[in-house]
C-alpha atoms as a PDB file:
ATOM      1  CA  MET A   1      -4.502 -16.442 -12.497  1.00  0.00           C
ATOM      2  CA  TYR A   2      -4.683 -14.684  -9.169  1.00  0.00           C
ATOM      3  CA  VAL A   3      -2.515 -14.128  -6.151  1.00  0.00           C
ATOM      4  CA  LEU A   4      -4.322 -14.438  -2.826  1.00  0.00           C
ATOM      5  CA  PHE A   5      -2.823 -12.386  -0.004  1.00  0.00           C
ATOM      6  CA  ILE A   6      -3.674 -13.224   3.596  1.00  0.00           C
ATOM      7  CA  VAL A   7      -2.555 -10.911   6.400  1.00  0.00           C
ATOM      8  CA  LEU A   8      -2.887 -13.099   9.471  1.00  0.00           C
ATOM      9  CA  ASN A   9      -2.748 -11.357  12.835  1.00  0.00           C
ATOM     10  CA  GLU A  10      -3.587 -14.513  14.795  1.00  0.00           C
ATOM     11  CA  THR A  11      -0.500 -16.496  13.872  1.00  0.00           C
ATOM     12  CA  CYS A  12      -1.603 -19.526  15.892  1.00  0.00           C
ATOM     13  CA  CYS A  13      -3.840 -20.387  12.912  1.00  0.00           C
ATOM     14  CA  LEU A  14      -0.973 -20.544  10.406  1.00  0.00           C
ATOM     15  CA  GLU A  15      -0.340 -24.296  10.407  1.00  0.00           C
ATOM     16  CA  ASP A  16      -4.043 -25.109  10.138  1.00  0.00           C
ATOM     17  CA  ILE A  17      -4.440 -22.732   7.187  1.00  0.00           C
ATOM     18  CA  LEU A  18      -1.523 -24.385   5.391  1.00  0.00           C
ATOM     19  CA  ALA A  19      -2.994 -27.829   6.104  1.00  0.00           C
ATOM     20  CA  GLY A  20      -6.287 -26.614   4.620  1.00  0.00           C
ATOM     21  CA  PHE A  21      -4.442 -25.451   1.513  1.00  0.00           C
ATOM     22  CA  LEU A  22      -2.897 -28.901   1.095  1.00  0.00           C
ATOM     23  CA  ARG A  23      -6.320 -30.555   1.445  1.00  0.00           C
ATOM     24  CA  GLU A  24      -7.612 -28.296  -1.346  1.00  0.00           C
ATOM     25  CA  GLY A  25      -4.700 -29.118  -3.660  1.00  0.00           C
ATOM     26  CA  ILE A  26      -2.786 -25.888  -3.106  1.00  0.00           C
ATOM     27  CA  GLY A  27       0.818 -26.990  -2.934  1.00  0.00           C
ATOM     28  CA  GLY A  28       2.705 -23.740  -2.591  1.00  0.00           C
ATOM     29  CA  ALA A  29       2.613 -20.477  -0.690  1.00  0.00           C
ATOM     30  CA  THR A  30       5.092 -17.936   0.588  1.00  0.00           C
ATOM     31  CA  ILE A  31       4.969 -16.780   4.208  1.00  0.00           C
ATOM     32  CA  ILE A  32       6.629 -13.603   5.412  1.00  0.00           C
ATOM     33  CA  ASP A  33       6.760 -11.869   8.766  1.00  0.00           C
ATOM     34  CA  SER A  34       4.928  -8.556   8.621  1.00  0.00           C
ATOM     35  CA  GLN A  35       3.776  -5.713  10.807  1.00  0.00           C
ATOM     36  CA  GLY A  36       0.967  -3.223  10.354  1.00  0.00           C
ATOM     37  CA  MET A  37       1.624   0.495  10.568  1.00  0.00           C
ATOM     38  CA  GLY A  38      -0.530   0.995  13.669  1.00  0.00           C
ATOM     39  CA  ARG A  39       1.210  -1.764  15.557  1.00  0.00           C
ATOM     40  CA  ALA A  40       4.634  -0.524  14.486  1.00  0.00           C
ATOM     41  CA  ILE A  41       3.838   2.968  15.752  1.00  0.00           C
ATOM     42  CA  ALA A  42       2.279   1.673  18.969  1.00  0.00           C
ATOM     43  CA  HIS A  43       5.346  -0.366  19.838  1.00  0.00           C
ATOM     44  CA  THR A  44       7.927   2.371  19.298  1.00  0.00           C
ATOM     45  CA  LYS A  45       9.682   4.042  22.188  1.00  0.00           C
ATOM     46  CA  ASN A  46       8.718   7.531  21.001  1.00  0.00           C
ATOM     47  CA  GLU A  47       6.989   9.165  23.974  1.00  0.00           C
ATOM     48  CA  ASP A  48       6.984  12.676  22.467  1.00  0.00           C
ATOM     49  CA  ILE A  49       3.953  12.137  20.260  1.00  0.00           C
ATOM     50  CA  PRO A  50       0.699  11.796  22.265  1.00  0.00           C
ATOM     51  CA  MET A  51      -1.038   9.828  19.515  1.00  0.00           C
ATOM     52  CA  PHE A  52       1.435   6.951  19.962  1.00  0.00           C
ATOM     53  CA  GLY A  53       0.364   6.522  23.577  1.00  0.00           C
ATOM     54  CA  THR A  54      -3.278   6.438  22.504  1.00  0.00           C
ATOM     55  CA  LEU A  55      -2.497   3.750  19.938  1.00  0.00           C
ATOM     56  CA  ARG A  56      -0.682   1.733  22.589  1.00  0.00           C
ATOM     57  CA  MET A  57      -3.755   1.859  24.829  1.00  0.00           C
ATOM     58  CA  MET A  58      -6.122   0.922  21.979  1.00  0.00           C
ATOM     59  CA  LEU A  59      -4.050  -2.026  20.799  1.00  0.00           C
ATOM     60  CA  GLY A  60      -3.303  -3.217  24.306  1.00  0.00           C
ATOM     61  CA  ASN A  61      -0.949  -6.154  24.597  1.00  0.00           C
ATOM     62  CA  THR A  62      -1.648  -7.540  21.149  1.00  0.00           C
ATOM     63  CA  HIS A  63       1.172  -9.220  19.326  1.00  0.00           C
ATOM     64  CA  PRO A  64       3.040  -6.675  17.215  1.00  0.00           C
ATOM     65  CA  TYR A  65       3.743  -9.051  14.329  1.00  0.00           C
ATOM     66  CA  SER A  66       1.665 -10.820  11.703  1.00  0.00           C
ATOM     67  CA  LYS A  67       2.229 -13.385   9.008  1.00  0.00           C
ATOM     68  CA  THR A  68       1.499 -12.527   5.403  1.00  0.00           C
ATOM     69  CA  ILE A  69       0.806 -15.534   3.218  1.00  0.00           C
ATOM     70  CA  PHE A  70       0.547 -15.316  -0.528  1.00  0.00           C
ATOM     71  CA  THR A  71      -0.185 -18.003  -3.060  1.00  0.00           C
ATOM     72  CA  VAL A  72      -0.654 -18.011  -6.829  1.00  0.00           C
ATOM     73  CA  LEU A  73      -3.886 -19.705  -7.881  1.00  0.00           C
ATOM     74  CA  LYS A  74      -4.820 -20.697 -11.424  1.00  0.00           C
ATOM     75  CA  ASP A  75      -8.486 -19.675 -11.445  1.00  0.00           C
ATOM     76  CA  GLU A  76     -11.405 -18.306  -9.432  1.00  0.00           C
ATOM     77  CA  GLN A  77     -12.460 -21.808  -8.390  1.00  0.00           C
ATOM     78  CA  MET A  78      -9.113 -22.325  -6.636  1.00  0.00           C
ATOM     79  CA  VAL A  79      -9.400 -18.866  -5.060  1.00  0.00           C
ATOM     80  CA  GLU A  80     -12.777 -19.826  -3.589  1.00  0.00           C
ATOM     81  CA  LYS A  81     -11.357 -23.106  -2.269  1.00  0.00           C
ATOM     82  CA  ALA A  82      -8.475 -21.266  -0.605  1.00  0.00           C
ATOM     83  CA  VAL A  83     -10.747 -18.610   0.901  1.00  0.00           C
ATOM     84  CA  SER A  84     -13.090 -21.316   2.238  1.00  0.00           C
ATOM     85  CA  ALA A  85     -10.157 -23.182   3.798  1.00  0.00           C
ATOM     86  CA  VAL A  86      -8.990 -20.018   5.569  1.00  0.00           C
ATOM     87  CA  ARG A  87     -12.479 -19.107   6.777  1.00  0.00           C
ATOM     88  CA  GLU A  88     -13.058 -22.638   8.053  1.00  0.00           C
ATOM     89  CA  THR A  89      -9.825 -22.442  10.035  1.00  0.00           C
ATOM     90  CA  VAL A  90     -10.434 -19.051  11.662  1.00  0.00           C
ATOM     91  CA  ARG A  91     -14.177 -19.521  12.232  1.00  0.00           C
ATOM     92  CA  GLY A  92     -13.713 -20.444  15.895  1.00  0.00           C
ATOM     93  CA  CYS A  93     -11.385 -17.541  16.621  1.00  0.00           C
ATOM     94  CA  THR A  94     -13.180 -15.201  19.000  1.00  0.00           C
ATOM     95  CA  CYS A  95     -10.780 -12.266  18.860  1.00  0.00           C
ATOM     96  CA  SER A  96     -11.372  -9.318  16.572  1.00  0.00           C
ATOM     97  CA  GLY A  97      -8.839  -8.362  13.957  1.00  0.00           C
ATOM     98  CA  VAL A  98      -7.903 -11.909  12.935  1.00  0.00           C
ATOM     99  CA  GLY A  99      -6.723 -10.597   9.580  1.00  0.00           C
ATOM    100  CA  LEU A 100      -7.857  -9.983   6.038  1.00  0.00           C
ATOM    101  CA  MET A 101      -7.621 -11.507   2.571  1.00  0.00           C
ATOM    102  CA  PHE A 102      -7.589 -10.019  -0.900  1.00  0.00           C
ATOM    103  CA  THR A 103      -6.777 -11.111  -4.434  1.00  0.00           C
ATOM    104  CA  VAL A 104      -4.910  -9.439  -7.259  1.00  0.00           C
ATOM    105  CA  PRO A 105      -5.132 -10.626 -10.876  1.00  0.00           C
ATOM    106  CA  ILE A 106      -1.848 -11.765 -12.419  1.00  0.00           C
ATOM    107  CA  GLY A 107      -0.956 -10.980 -16.012  1.00  0.00           C
ATOM    108  CA  LYS A 108       2.060 -13.259 -16.365  1.00  0.00           C
ATOM    109  CA  VAL A 109       4.379 -15.308 -14.185  1.00  0.00           C
ATOM    110  CA  TYR A 110       8.054 -15.615 -15.095  1.00  0.00           C
ATOM    111  CA  ARG A 111      10.607 -18.050 -13.751  1.00  0.00           C
ATOM    112  CA  MET A 112      13.826 -16.392 -12.647  1.00  0.00           C
ATOM    113  CA  VAL A 113      15.880 -18.765 -14.807  1.00  0.00           C
ATOM    114  CA  GLU A 114      14.508 -20.153 -18.047  1.00  0.00           C
ATOM    115  CA  GLU A 115      14.314 -23.925 -18.228  1.00  0.00           C
ATOM    116  CA  ASP A 116      16.190 -25.759 -20.978  1.00  0.00           C
ATOM    117  CA  LYS A 117      13.964 -26.749 -23.866  1.00  0.00           C
END
C-alpha cells in the first residue's frame, strides 16, 4: 500500500482531480488547506528582513494557499492510475509551480475504533 500526496498550488484544478480519481475507482481522499514556507514568509508583515521583500517580489501576486490531497492506494497500479488522472487534469495549466506529487509506502493501516467481530 502507498499514500499519494499531492500539493496543489493551482486550486482551481481540485474538483477535476477528484472527478478523475472517481473515474479511476479511487473513492476516498483527504484534502487539507496548506501553505508553503516561501509563501508564508512572503506574505508576512515583517518589513525588517530584506529577504522577505525579495520573496514577495519573486512570488508576485500568487495565491498564498494550496490544497494538499492525500489518498491511500492498495498497489502501484492504483498509484499510476491516480498520477495519470492528476497529470491529465493539469496538463493544460500554463502556469509554473502547479504543484508536486510523491508517494510513501505504508506498513499498516489501523482503524481508530476496532470493528465488532
